[in-house]
Amino acid sequence: MPLPFEMRKTTTFVIPLKDEPRAEALNVTPLTYENEREVLGFLRGSDSVQAIFMTSLLRDNGLESPFNRGIFYGARLDDTGEFVGVALVGHATLVETSNDFALETFARIAREIPGAHVHLGEEERIKRFWRHYSRGGQRARLFCREMLFEMREEFLSETEEVKGLRAATLDDLAFVMPVQACMAFEESGVNPMEQDPVGFRLRCARRIEQGRVFVWIEDNRLLFKADVLADTSRAVYLEGVYTSPSARNQSYGSRCLMQVARRLLHNARSVKLLVNEQNHKARAFYSHAGFMFQGYYDTIYLQSSHEVKG
């Protein structure tokens, strides 16, 4: 999502740091391709979901790309130049920082950006972010408490492979899109095929071209699907894991999921995914498959300007 030029200006706040008698300046600016190595180094220090997302976006698209659907910002201590935070602000807002002042500044910037869809982060961090953002930002439409599950190689169990499971091709787009859109609607209340049909199709096609969609299709029926939303050497993040009702309760879903995880763990230390706390069937499915609970995240879906006016 492109931003007006005036919203890309440097933002500098002078704030007292804890246990320091003097004031230090926190300098927050939009980032450019020249900062990529430094930003990747900063994000490498965290295994949070948002750090994985941002790292994957940077490696796929670079710091300045419309595919990021937002602008990357960095926070530095003005006197030392030390990086203390990175945020992606746009369609999705993702923040990686342990500095409360950087978190507040990112929230101030985010609430000036129209058309945001979702904020995501660890439970306590996103609550602090929301306290600042809600003072003038878009109103919340839906709060979701999410459970983070993780699969590591040592958790994998031996299962019989499903021979038809494979990487999707563009010929499978007609099977993948409606299922992915339905799952997005069930989770967020927004159907991307209705809200942004052209952009949604392009994003689905690009993910397939990147080899990040796995499908099992028989007799012109999609029986299983899983998408890789973010891919790094530290962790891979899955979304859109779907098993057709006709293939459920027959171990096909867990076998396909283990097969995908085993393949992804060749190049990553872990496979992660988020599950809505209220989705008890999904929680049981992932636990039965060997995924281990790691912690809580919050996802906040925002009202559009149309919804606010209504």
C-alpha atoms as a PDB file:
ATOM      1  CA  MET A   1       0.000   0.000   0.000  1.00  0.00           C
ATOM      2  CA  PRO A   2       1.799   3.166  -1.150  1.00  0.00           C
ATOM      3  CA  LEU A   3       1.963   6.046   1.286  1.00  0.00           C
ATOM      4  CA  PRO A   4       1.741   9.770   0.518  1.00  0.00           C
ATOM      5  CA  PHE A   5       5.159  11.398   0.458  1.00  0.00           C
ATOM      6  CA  GLU A   6       4.407  13.524   3.517  1.00  0.00           C
ATOM      7  CA  MET A   7       3.842  10.354   5.572  1.00  0.00           C
ATOM      8  CA  ARG A   8       7.348   9.090   4.777  1.00  0.00           C
ATOM      9  CA  LYS A   9       9.122  11.882   6.669  1.00  0.00           C
ATOM     10  CA  THR A  10      11.544  11.276   9.540  1.00  0.00           C
ATOM     11  CA  THR A  11       9.896  11.190  12.946  1.00  0.00           C
ATOM     12  CA  THR A  12      12.121  12.015  15.923  1.00  0.00           C
ATOM     13  CA  PHE A  13      11.011  11.890  19.543  1.00  0.00           C
ATOM     14  CA  VAL A  14      13.121  13.018  22.504  1.00  0.00           C
ATOM     15  CA  ILE A  15      12.281  10.739  25.410  1.00  0.00           C
ATOM     16  CA  PRO A  16      13.978   9.843  28.698  1.00  0.00           C
ATOM     17  CA  LEU A  17      15.272   6.292  28.800  1.00  0.00           C
ATOM     18  CA  LYS A  18      14.774   4.239  31.942  1.00  0.00           C
ATOM     19  CA  ASP A  19      17.451   4.778  34.596  1.00  0.00           C
ATOM     20  CA  GLU A  20      19.002   7.581  32.580  1.00  0.00           C
ATOM     21  CA  PRO A  21      19.002  11.101  34.029  1.00  0.00           C
ATOM     22  CA  ARG A  22      19.361  12.706  30.623  1.00  0.00           C
ATOM     23  CA  ALA A  23      17.144  12.550  27.563  1.00  0.00           C
ATOM     24  CA  GLU A  24      17.959  10.496  24.492  1.00  0.00           C
ATOM     25  CA  ALA A  25      16.467  10.904  21.022  1.00  0.00           C
ATOM     26  CA  LEU A  26      14.643   8.044  19.377  1.00  0.00           C
ATOM     27  CA  ASN A  27      14.822   8.421  15.624  1.00  0.00           C
ATOM     28  CA  VAL A  28      12.145   6.602  13.607  1.00  0.00           C
ATOM     29  CA  THR A  29      12.319   6.698   9.814  1.00  0.00           C
ATOM     30  CA  PRO A  30      11.116   4.760   6.775  1.00  0.00           C
ATOM     31  CA  LEU A  31      13.722   2.217   5.705  1.00  0.00           C
ATOM     32  CA  THR A  32      15.283   1.818   2.255  1.00  0.00           C
ATOM     33  CA  TYR A  33      17.133  -0.938   0.449  1.00  0.00           C
ATOM     34  CA  GLU A  34      20.383   0.382   1.961  1.00  0.00           C
ATOM     35  CA  ASN A  35      19.198  -0.792   5.400  1.00  0.00           C
ATOM     36  CA  GLU A  36      18.356  -4.387   4.396  1.00  0.00           C
ATOM     37  CA  ARG A  37      21.402  -6.145   5.826  1.00  0.00           C
ATOM     38  CA  GLU A  38      21.146  -4.273   9.120  1.00  0.00           C
ATOM     39  CA  VAL A  39      17.414  -4.953   9.435  1.00  0.00           C
ATOM     40  CA  LEU A  40      17.843  -8.669   8.697  1.00  0.00           C
ATOM     41  CA  GLY A  41      20.534  -8.807  11.355  1.00  0.00           C
ATOM     42  CA  PHE A  42      18.199  -7.204  13.889  1.00  0.00           C
ATOM     43  CA  LEU A  43      15.307  -9.539  13.065  1.00  0.00           C
ATOM     44  CA  ARG A  44      17.591 -12.558  13.276  1.00  0.00           C
ATOM     45  CA  GLY A  45      17.654 -12.081  17.040  1.00  0.00           C
ATOM     46  CA  SER A  46      13.975 -13.010  17.424  1.00  0.00           C
ATOM     47  CA  ASP A  47      11.892 -16.128  16.748  1.00  0.00           C
ATOM     48  CA  SER A  48       8.575 -14.270  17.008  1.00  0.00           C
ATOM     49  CA  VAL A  49       5.960 -14.760  14.306  1.00  0.00           C
ATOM     50  CA  GLN A  50       6.220 -11.140  13.211  1.00  0.00           C
ATOM     51  CA  ALA A  51      10.015 -11.383  12.896  1.00  0.00           C
ATOM     52  CA  ILE A  52       9.591 -14.473  10.704  1.00  0.00           C
ATOM     53  CA  PHE A  53       6.997 -12.680   8.553  1.00  0.00           C
ATOM     54  CA  MET A  54       9.143  -9.584   8.081  1.00  0.00           C
ATOM     55  CA  THR A  55      12.319 -11.561   7.398  1.00  0.00           C
ATOM     56  CA  SER A  56      10.543 -13.583   4.720  1.00  0.00           C
ATOM     57  CA  LEU A  57       9.106 -10.446   3.103  1.00  0.00           C
ATOM     58  CA  LEU A  58      12.525  -8.797   3.018  1.00  0.00           C
ATOM     59  CA  ARG A  59      14.141 -11.815   1.404  1.00  0.00           C
ATOM     60  CA  ASP A  60      11.320 -12.168  -1.110  1.00  0.00           C
ATOM     61  CA  ASN A  61      10.753  -8.520  -1.977  1.00  0.00           C
ATOM     62  CA  GLY A  62      13.361  -6.256  -0.403  1.00  0.00           C
ATOM     63  CA  LEU A  63      12.556  -3.342   1.899  1.00  0.00           C
ATOM     64  CA  GLU A  64      10.846  -1.265  -0.785  1.00  0.00           C
ATOM     65  CA  SER A  65       8.233  -3.219  -2.722  1.00  0.00           C
ATOM     66  CA  PRO A  66       4.476  -3.038  -3.339  1.00  0.00           C
ATOM     67  CA  PHE A  67       4.372  -6.762  -2.509  1.00  0.00           C
ATOM     68  CA  ASN A  68       5.011  -5.829   1.137  1.00  0.00           C
ATOM     69  CA  ARG A  69       1.669  -3.958   1.146  1.00  0.00           C
ATOM     70  CA  GLY A  70       3.142  -1.381   3.489  1.00  0.00           C
ATOM     71  CA  ILE A  71       6.211   0.598   4.540  1.00  0.00           C
ATOM     72  CA  PHE A  72       9.029  -0.646   6.758  1.00  0.00           C
ATOM     73  CA  TYR A  73      10.120   1.689   9.569  1.00  0.00           C
ATOM     74  CA  GLY A  74      13.160   1.474  11.798  1.00  0.00           C
ATOM     75  CA  ALA A  75      13.790   2.937  15.258  1.00  0.00           C
ATOM     76  CA  ARG A  76      17.280   3.925  16.394  1.00  0.00           C
ATOM     77  CA  LEU A  77      18.798   5.534  19.437  1.00  0.00           C
ATOM     78  CA  ASP A  78      19.863   8.878  18.075  1.00  0.00           C
ATOM     79  CA  ASP A  79      23.191   9.162  19.876  1.00  0.00           C
ATOM     80  CA  THR A  80      24.507   5.649  19.142  1.00  0.00           C
ATOM     81  CA  GLY A  81      22.549   4.701  15.999  1.00  0.00           C
ATOM     82  CA  GLU A  82      21.676   1.375  17.611  1.00  0.00           C
ATOM     83  CA  PHE A  83      18.657  -0.349  16.068  1.00  0.00           C
ATOM     84  CA  VAL A  84      15.957  -0.928  18.695  1.00  0.00           C
ATOM     85  CA  GLY A  85      12.912  -1.714  16.550  1.00  0.00           C
ATOM     86  CA  VAL A  86      11.511  -2.571  13.119  1.00  0.00           C
ATOM     87  CA  ALA A  87       7.886  -2.323  12.004  1.00  0.00           C
ATOM     88  CA  LEU A  88       5.897  -2.978   8.859  1.00  0.00           C
ATOM     89  CA  VAL A  89       3.002  -0.524   8.705  1.00  0.00           C
ATOM     90  CA  GLY A  90       0.281  -0.963   6.095  1.00  0.00           C
ATOM     91  CA  HIS A  91      -2.304  -3.620   5.282  1.00  0.00           C
ATOM     92  CA  ALA A  92      -0.872  -5.620   8.177  1.00  0.00           C
ATOM     93  CA  THR A  93       1.029  -3.994  11.034  1.00  0.00           C
ATOM     94  CA  LEU A  94       3.876  -6.046  12.477  1.00  0.00           C
ATOM     95  CA  VAL A  95       6.211  -4.707  15.163  1.00  0.00           C
ATOM     96  CA  GLU A  96       9.445  -6.199  16.501  1.00  0.00           C
ATOM     97  CA  THR A  97      10.896  -4.262  19.441  1.00  0.00           C
ATOM     98  CA  SER A  98      11.424  -4.542  23.171  1.00  0.00           C
ATOM     99  CA  ASN A  99      11.653  -0.754  23.508  1.00  0.00           C
ATOM    100  CA  ASP A 100       8.380   0.699  24.822  1.00  0.00           C
ATOM    101  CA  PHE A 101       9.058   4.106  23.298  1.00  0.00           C
ATOM    102  CA  ALA A 102       9.655   2.592  19.859  1.00  0.00           C
ATOM    103  CA  LEU A 103       6.433   0.606  20.244  1.00  0.00           C
ATOM    104  CA  GLU A 104       4.509   3.789  21.050  1.00  0.00           C
ATOM    105  CA  THR A 105       6.049   5.639  18.111  1.00  0.00           C
ATOM    106  CA  PHE A 106       5.210   2.837  15.671  1.00  0.00           C
ATOM    107  CA  ALA A 107       1.619   2.918  16.980  1.00  0.00           C
ATOM    108  CA  ARG A 108       1.434   6.688  16.385  1.00  0.00           C
ATOM    109  CA  ILE A 109       2.621   6.215  12.809  1.00  0.00           C
ATOM    110  CA  ALA A 110       0.243   3.294  12.191  1.00  0.00           C
ATOM    111  CA  ARG A 111      -2.838   5.195  13.321  1.00  0.00           C
ATOM    112  CA  GLU A 112      -2.170   7.821  10.621  1.00  0.00           C
ATOM    113  CA  ILE A 113      -2.222   5.207   7.845  1.00  0.00           C
ATOM    114  CA  PRO A 114      -5.693   4.622   6.350  1.00  0.00           C
ATOM    115  CA  GLY A 115      -6.899   1.274   5.063  1.00  0.00           C
ATOM    116  CA  ALA A 116      -5.136  -1.002   7.550  1.00  0.00           C
ATOM    117  CA  HIS A 117      -6.619  -4.483   7.940  1.00  0.00           C
ATOM    118  CA  VAL A 118      -4.931  -6.258  10.840  1.00  0.00           C
ATOM    119  CA  HIS A 119      -2.448  -5.943  13.718  1.00  0.00           C
ATOM    120  CA  LEU A 120      -0.624  -9.057  14.925  1.00  0.00           C
ATOM    121  CA  GLY A 121       1.799  -9.712  17.773  1.00  0.00           C
ATOM    122  CA  GLU A 122       2.508 -11.484  21.034  1.00  0.00           C
ATOM    123  CA  GLU A 123      -0.315 -11.122  23.501  1.00  0.00           C
ATOM    124  CA  GLU A 124       1.252  -8.611  25.892  1.00  0.00           C
ATOM    125  CA  ARG A 125       3.080  -6.620  23.233  1.00  0.00           C
ATOM    126  CA  ILE A 126       0.012  -6.124  21.044  1.00  0.00           C
ATOM    127  CA  LYS A 127      -2.002  -5.010  24.060  1.00  0.00           C
ATOM    128  CA  ARG A 128       0.567  -2.268  24.758  1.00  0.00           C
ATOM    129  CA  PHE A 129       0.593  -1.349  21.070  1.00  0.00           C
ATOM    130  CA  TRP A 130      -3.210  -1.166  21.011  1.00  0.00           C
ATOM    131  CA  ARG A 131      -3.337   1.213  23.991  1.00  0.00           C
ATOM    132  CA  HIS A 132      -1.408   3.753  21.920  1.00  0.00           C
ATOM    133  CA  TYR A 133      -2.955   2.971  18.532  1.00  0.00           C
ATOM    134  CA  SER A 134      -6.565   3.190  19.736  1.00  0.00           C
ATOM    135  CA  ARG A 135      -6.135   6.879  20.598  1.00  0.00           C
ATOM    136  CA  GLY A 136      -7.160   7.947  17.120  1.00  0.00           C
ATOM    137  CA  GLY A 137      -6.572   4.911  14.909  1.00  0.00           C
ATOM    138  CA  GLN A 138      -9.127   2.719  13.180  1.00  0.00           C
ATOM    139  CA  ARG A 139     -11.568   0.981  15.435  1.00  0.00           C
ATOM    140  CA  ALA A 140     -11.331  -2.737  16.075  1.00  0.00           C
ATOM    141  CA  ARG A 141     -13.814  -5.004  14.327  1.00  0.00           C
ATOM    142  CA  LEU A 142     -12.678  -8.312  15.799  1.00  0.00           C
ATOM    143  CA  PHE A 143     -10.237  -9.428  18.516  1.00  0.00           C
ATOM    144  CA  CYS A 144      -8.839 -12.961  18.193  1.00  0.00           C
ATOM    145  CA  ARG A 145      -6.693 -14.707  20.746  1.00  0.00           C
ATOM    146  CA  GLU A 146      -4.390 -17.083  18.895  1.00  0.00           C
ATOM    147  CA  MET A 147      -2.347 -20.062  20.042  1.00  0.00           C
ATOM    148  CA  LEU A 148       1.092 -20.568  18.525  1.00  0.00           C
ATOM    149  CA  PHE A 149       1.944 -24.180  17.691  1.00  0.00           C
ATOM    150  CA  GLU A 150       5.347 -25.447  16.582  1.00  0.00           C
ATOM    151  CA  MET A 151       6.661 -28.595  14.936  1.00  0.00           C
ATOM    152  CA  ARG A 152      10.310 -29.603  15.139  1.00  0.00           C
ATOM    153  CA  GLU A 153      12.017 -32.569  13.536  1.00  0.00           C
ATOM    154  CA  GLU A 154      12.202 -34.445  16.843  1.00  0.00           C
ATOM    155  CA  PHE A 155       8.393 -34.214  17.174  1.00  0.00           C
ATOM    156  CA  LEU A 156       7.724 -35.824  13.797  1.00  0.00           C
ATOM    157  CA  SER A 157       6.174 -39.266  13.810  1.00  0.00           C
ATOM    158  CA  GLU A 158       6.427 -41.833  11.053  1.00  0.00           C
ATOM    159  CA  THR A 159       3.327 -41.797   8.856  1.00  0.00           C
ATOM    160  CA  GLU A 160       2.392 -43.309   5.524  1.00  0.00           C
ATOM    161  CA  GLU A 161       2.804 -40.787   2.743  1.00  0.00           C
ATOM    162  CA  VAL A 162      -0.111 -39.589   0.632  1.00  0.00           C
ATOM    163  CA  LYS A 163       1.055 -40.187  -2.941  1.00  0.00           C
ATOM    164  CA  GLY A 164      -1.056 -37.442  -4.473  1.00  0.00           C
ATOM    165  CA  LEU A 165       0.327 -34.637  -2.297  1.00  0.00           C
ATOM    166  CA  ARG A 166       2.434 -32.220  -4.353  1.00  0.00           C
ATOM    167  CA  ALA A 167       3.377 -28.616  -4.926  1.00  0.00           C
ATOM    168  CA  ALA A 168       0.558 -26.713  -6.596  1.00  0.00           C
ATOM    169  CA  THR A 169       0.782 -25.337 -10.120  1.00  0.00           C
ATOM    170  CA  LEU A 170      -1.071 -22.429 -11.691  1.00  0.00           C
ATOM    171  CA  ASP A 171      -3.512 -24.970 -13.124  1.00  0.00           C
ATOM    172  CA  ASP A 172      -4.671 -25.517  -9.525  1.00  0.00           C
ATOM    173  CA  LEU A 173      -5.500 -21.856  -8.928  1.00  0.00           C
ATOM    174  CA  ALA A 174      -9.240 -22.411  -9.434  1.00  0.00           C
ATOM    175  CA  PHE A 175      -9.203 -25.005  -6.638  1.00  0.00           C
ATOM    176  CA  VAL A 176      -7.022 -23.026  -4.239  1.00  0.00           C
ATOM    177  CA  MET A 177      -8.554 -19.550  -4.433  1.00  0.00           C
ATOM    178  CA  PRO A 178     -12.122 -20.209  -3.252  1.00  0.00           C
ATOM    179  CA  VAL A 179     -10.971 -22.393  -0.358  1.00  0.00           C
ATOM    180  CA  GLN A 180      -8.381 -19.842   0.761  1.00  0.00           C
ATOM    181  CA  ALA A 181     -10.955 -17.039   0.492  1.00  0.00           C
ATOM    182  CA  CYS A 182     -13.504 -19.033   2.501  1.00  0.00           C
ATOM    183  CA  MET A 183     -10.980 -19.688   5.253  1.00  0.00           C
ATOM    184  CA  ALA A 184     -10.021 -15.999   5.358  1.00  0.00           C
ATOM    185  CA  PHE A 185     -13.690 -15.039   5.647  1.00  0.00           C
ATOM    186  CA  GLU A 186     -14.292 -17.512   8.469  1.00  0.00           C
ATOM    187  CA  GLU A 187     -11.324 -16.115  10.387  1.00  0.00           C
ATOM    188  CA  SER A 188     -11.574 -12.380   9.710  1.00  0.00           C
ATOM    189  CA  GLY A 189     -15.083 -11.737   8.386  1.00  0.00           C
ATOM    190  CA  VAL A 190     -13.663 -10.350   5.113  1.00  0.00           C
ATOM    191  CA  ASN A 191     -13.815 -12.255   1.806  1.00  0.00           C
ATOM    192  CA  PRO A 192     -10.757 -11.222  -0.260  1.00  0.00           C
ATOM    193  CA  MET A 193     -12.349 -12.526  -3.475  1.00  0.00           C
ATOM    194  CA  GLU A 194     -15.055  -9.889  -3.030  1.00  0.00           C
ATOM    195  CA  GLN A 195     -13.004  -7.080  -1.525  1.00  0.00           C
ATOM    196  CA  ASP A 196      -9.936  -7.313  -3.788  1.00  0.00           C
ATOM    197  CA  PRO A 197     -10.480 -10.003  -6.461  1.00  0.00           C
ATOM    198  CA  VAL A 198      -7.629  -8.946  -8.770  1.00  0.00           C
ATOM    199  CA  GLY A 199      -5.076  -8.495  -5.997  1.00  0.00           C
ATOM    200  CA  PHE A 200      -6.118 -11.708  -4.267  1.00  0.00           C
ATOM    201  CA  ARG A 201      -5.735 -13.700  -7.473  1.00  0.00           C
ATOM    202  CA  LEU A 202      -2.285 -12.217  -8.075  1.00  0.00           C
ATOM    203  CA  ARG A 203      -1.160 -13.009  -4.526  1.00  0.00           C
ATOM    204  CA  CYS A 204      -2.422 -16.597  -4.728  1.00  0.00           C
ATOM    205  CA  ALA A 205      -0.742 -17.090  -8.107  1.00  0.00           C
ATOM    206  CA  ARG A 206       2.534 -15.624  -6.882  1.00  0.00           C
ATOM    207  CA  ARG A 207       2.572 -17.909  -3.851  1.00  0.00           C
ATOM    208  CA  ILE A 208       2.030 -20.923  -6.130  1.00  0.00           C
ATOM    209  CA  GLU A 209       4.844 -19.764  -8.422  1.00  0.00           C
ATOM    210  CA  GLN A 210       7.112 -19.534  -5.367  1.00  0.00           C
ATOM    211  CA  GLY A 211       6.408 -23.201  -4.617  1.00  0.00           C
ATOM    212  CA  ARG A 212       4.682 -22.387  -1.340  1.00  0.00           C
ATOM    213  CA  VAL A 213       1.322 -24.092  -1.821  1.00  0.00           C
ATOM    214  CA  PHE A 214       0.850 -27.844  -1.352  1.00  0.00           C
ATOM    215  CA  VAL A 215      -2.257 -29.637  -2.601  1.00  0.00           C
ATOM    216  CA  TRP A 216      -3.787 -33.072  -2.876  1.00  0.00           C
ATOM    217  CA  ILE A 217      -6.342 -33.167  -5.685  1.00  0.00           C
ATOM    218  CA  GLU A 218      -8.227 -36.226  -6.893  1.00  0.00           C
ATOM    219  CA  ASP A 219     -11.179 -36.501  -9.288  1.00  0.00           C
ATOM    220  CA  ASN A 220     -11.266 -32.693  -9.607  1.00  0.00           C
ATOM    221  CA  ARG A 221     -11.683 -32.291  -5.842  1.00  0.00           C
ATOM    222  CA  LEU A 222      -9.324 -30.453  -3.517  1.00  0.00           C
ATOM    223  CA  LEU A 223      -8.812 -32.862  -0.606  1.00  0.00           C
ATOM    224  CA  PHE A 224      -5.966 -31.086   1.211  1.00  0.00           C
ATOM    225  CA  LYS A 225      -4.179 -27.729   1.027  1.00  0.00           C
ATOM    226  CA  ALA A 226      -1.472 -25.947   3.015  1.00  0.00           C
ATOM    227  CA  ASP A 227       0.199 -22.598   2.302  1.00  0.00           C
ATOM    228  CA  VAL A 228       3.629 -21.355   3.351  1.00  0.00           C
ATOM    229  CA  LEU A 229       3.091 -17.723   4.280  1.00  0.00           C
ATOM    230  CA  ALA A 230       6.655 -17.078   5.452  1.00  0.00           C
ATOM    231  CA  ASP A 231       9.838 -19.037   4.821  1.00  0.00           C
ATOM    232  CA  THR A 232      13.150 -18.507   6.632  1.00  0.00           C
ATOM    233  CA  SER A 233      15.995 -20.755   7.724  1.00  0.00           C
ATOM    234  CA  ARG A 234      14.900 -20.333  11.358  1.00  0.00           C
ATOM    235  CA  ALA A 235      11.239 -21.158  10.865  1.00  0.00           C
ATOM    236  CA  VAL A 236       8.519 -21.644   8.288  1.00  0.00           C
ATOM    237  CA  TYR A 237       5.033 -20.306   8.969  1.00  0.00           C
ATOM    238  CA  LEU A 238       1.982 -22.172   7.633  1.00  0.00           C
ATOM    239  CA  GLU A 239      -1.541 -20.897   7.038  1.00  0.00           C
ATOM    240  CA  GLY A 240      -4.624 -22.076   5.168  1.00  0.00           C
ATOM    241  CA  VAL A 241      -4.316 -25.721   6.215  1.00  0.00           C
ATOM    242  CA  TYR A 242      -7.461 -27.359   4.845  1.00  0.00           C
ATOM    243  CA  THR A 243      -8.796 -30.904   4.705  1.00  0.00           C
ATOM    244  CA  SER A 244     -11.939 -31.602   2.689  1.00  0.00           C
ATOM    245  CA  PRO A 245     -14.894 -32.860   4.765  1.00  0.00           C
ATOM    246  CA  SER A 246     -14.885 -36.013   2.627  1.00  0.00           C
ATOM    247  CA  ALA A 247     -11.297 -36.797   3.720  1.00  0.00           C
ATOM    248  CA  ARG A 248     -11.630 -35.984   7.429  1.00  0.00           C
ATOM    249  CA  ASN A 249     -11.503 -38.491  10.286  1.00  0.00           C
ATOM    250  CA  GLN A 250      -9.479 -40.875   8.122  1.00  0.00           C
ATOM    251  CA  SER A 251      -5.967 -39.673   9.090  1.00  0.00           C
ATOM    252  CA  TYR A 252      -5.455 -38.095   5.650  1.00  0.00           C
ATOM    253  CA  GLY A 253      -5.185 -34.559   7.016  1.00  0.00           C
ATOM    254  CA  SER A 254      -2.533 -35.381   9.612  1.00  0.00           C
ATOM    255  CA  ARG A 255      -0.596 -37.536   7.123  1.00  0.00           C
ATOM    256  CA  CYS A 256      -0.547 -34.725   4.575  1.00  0.00           C
ATOM    257  CA  LEU A 257       0.431 -32.182   7.215  1.00  0.00           C
ATOM    258  CA  MET A 258       3.305 -34.348   8.472  1.00  0.00           C
ATOM    259  CA  GLN A 259       4.454 -34.866   4.904  1.00  0.00           C
ATOM    260  CA  VAL A 260       4.533 -31.106   4.308  1.00  0.00           C
ATOM    261  CA  ALA A 261       6.272 -30.462   7.640  1.00  0.00           C
ATOM    262  CA  ARG A 262       8.904 -33.126   6.971  1.00  0.00           C
ATOM    263  CA  ARG A 263       9.709 -31.525   3.632  1.00  0.00           C
ATOM    264  CA  LEU A 264       9.921 -28.008   5.095  1.00  0.00           C
ATOM    265  CA  LEU A 265      12.095 -29.101   8.016  1.00  0.00           C
ATOM    266  CA  HIS A 266      14.865 -30.062   5.595  1.00  0.00           C
ATOM    267  CA  ASN A 267      15.678 -26.337   5.359  1.00  0.00           C
ATOM    268  CA  ALA A 268      14.267 -24.840   8.569  1.00  0.00           C
ATOM    269  CA  ARG A 269      14.534 -25.506  12.303  1.00  0.00           C
ATOM    270  CA  SER A 270      10.785 -25.434  12.920  1.00  0.00           C
ATOM    271  CA  VAL A 271       7.338 -25.117  11.357  1.00  0.00           C
ATOM    272  CA  LYS A 272       4.925 -22.740  13.089  1.00  0.00           C
ATOM    273  CA  LEU A 273       1.254 -21.842  12.772  1.00  0.00           C
ATOM    274  CA  LEU A 274      -1.394 -19.884  14.673  1.00  0.00           C
ATOM    275  CA  VAL A 275      -4.776 -21.303  15.667  1.00  0.00           C
ATOM    276  CA  ASN A 276      -7.745 -19.341  16.944  1.00  0.00           C
ATOM    277  CA  GLU A 277      -8.204 -20.264  20.602  1.00  0.00           C
ATOM    278  CA  GLN A 278     -11.923 -20.849  19.966  1.00  0.00           C
ATOM    279  CA  ASN A 279     -11.258 -23.370  17.199  1.00  0.00           C
ATOM    280  CA  HIS A 280     -11.164 -26.453  19.419  1.00  0.00           C
ATOM    281  CA  LYS A 281     -11.223 -28.949  16.527  1.00  0.00           C
ATOM    282  CA  ALA A 282      -8.176 -27.350  14.906  1.00  0.00           C
ATOM    283  CA  ARG A 283      -6.339 -27.240  18.234  1.00  0.00           C
ATOM    284  CA  ALA A 284      -6.983 -30.941  18.771  1.00  0.00           C
ATOM    285  CA  PHE A 285      -5.922 -31.731  15.180  1.00  0.00           C
ATOM    286  CA  TYR A 286      -2.539 -29.995  15.491  1.00  0.00           C
ATOM    287  CA  SER A 287      -1.870 -31.394  18.963  1.00  0.00           C
ATOM    288  CA  HIS A 288      -2.657 -34.910  17.731  1.00  0.00           C
ATOM    289  CA  ALA A 289      -0.285 -34.369  14.786  1.00  0.00           C
ATOM    290  CA  GLY A 290       2.547 -33.554  17.191  1.00  0.00           C
ATOM    291  CA  PHE A 291       2.590 -29.750  17.131  1.00  0.00           C
ATOM    292  CA  MET A 292       3.550 -28.266  20.507  1.00  0.00           C
ATOM    293  CA  PHE A 293       1.903 -25.213  22.060  1.00  0.00           C
ATOM    294  CA  GLN A 294       4.359 -22.297  22.415  1.00  0.00           C
ATOM    295  CA  GLY A 295       2.410 -19.237  23.546  1.00  0.00           C
ATOM    296  CA  TYR A 296      -0.369 -16.741  22.874  1.00  0.00           C
ATOM    297  CA  TYR A 297      -0.682 -14.093  20.179  1.00  0.00           C
ATOM    298  CA  ASP A 298      -3.392 -11.513  19.525  1.00  0.00           C
ATOM    299  CA  THR A 299      -4.809 -10.653  16.108  1.00  0.00           C
ATOM    300  CA  ILE A 300      -6.867  -7.468  15.822  1.00  0.00           C
ATOM    301  CA  TYR A 301      -8.926  -6.988  12.659  1.00  0.00           C
ATOM    302  CA  LEU A 302      -9.826  -3.370  11.953  1.00  0.00           C
ATOM    303  CA  GLN A 303     -12.920  -1.678  10.679  1.00  0.00           C
ATOM    304  CA  SER A 304     -12.690  -0.220   7.194  1.00  0.00           C
ATOM    305  CA  SER A 305     -13.550   3.435   6.657  1.00  0.00           C
ATOM    306  CA  HIS A 306     -16.853   2.274   5.124  1.00  0.00           C
ATOM    307  CA  GLU A 307     -17.687   0.292   8.243  1.00  0.00           C
ATOM    308  CA  VAL A 308     -16.820   3.232  10.489  1.00  0.00           C
ATOM    309  CA  LYS A 309     -19.102   5.564   8.513  1.00  0.00           C
ATOM    310  CA  GLY A 310     -21.894   2.995   8.626  1.00  0.00           C
END
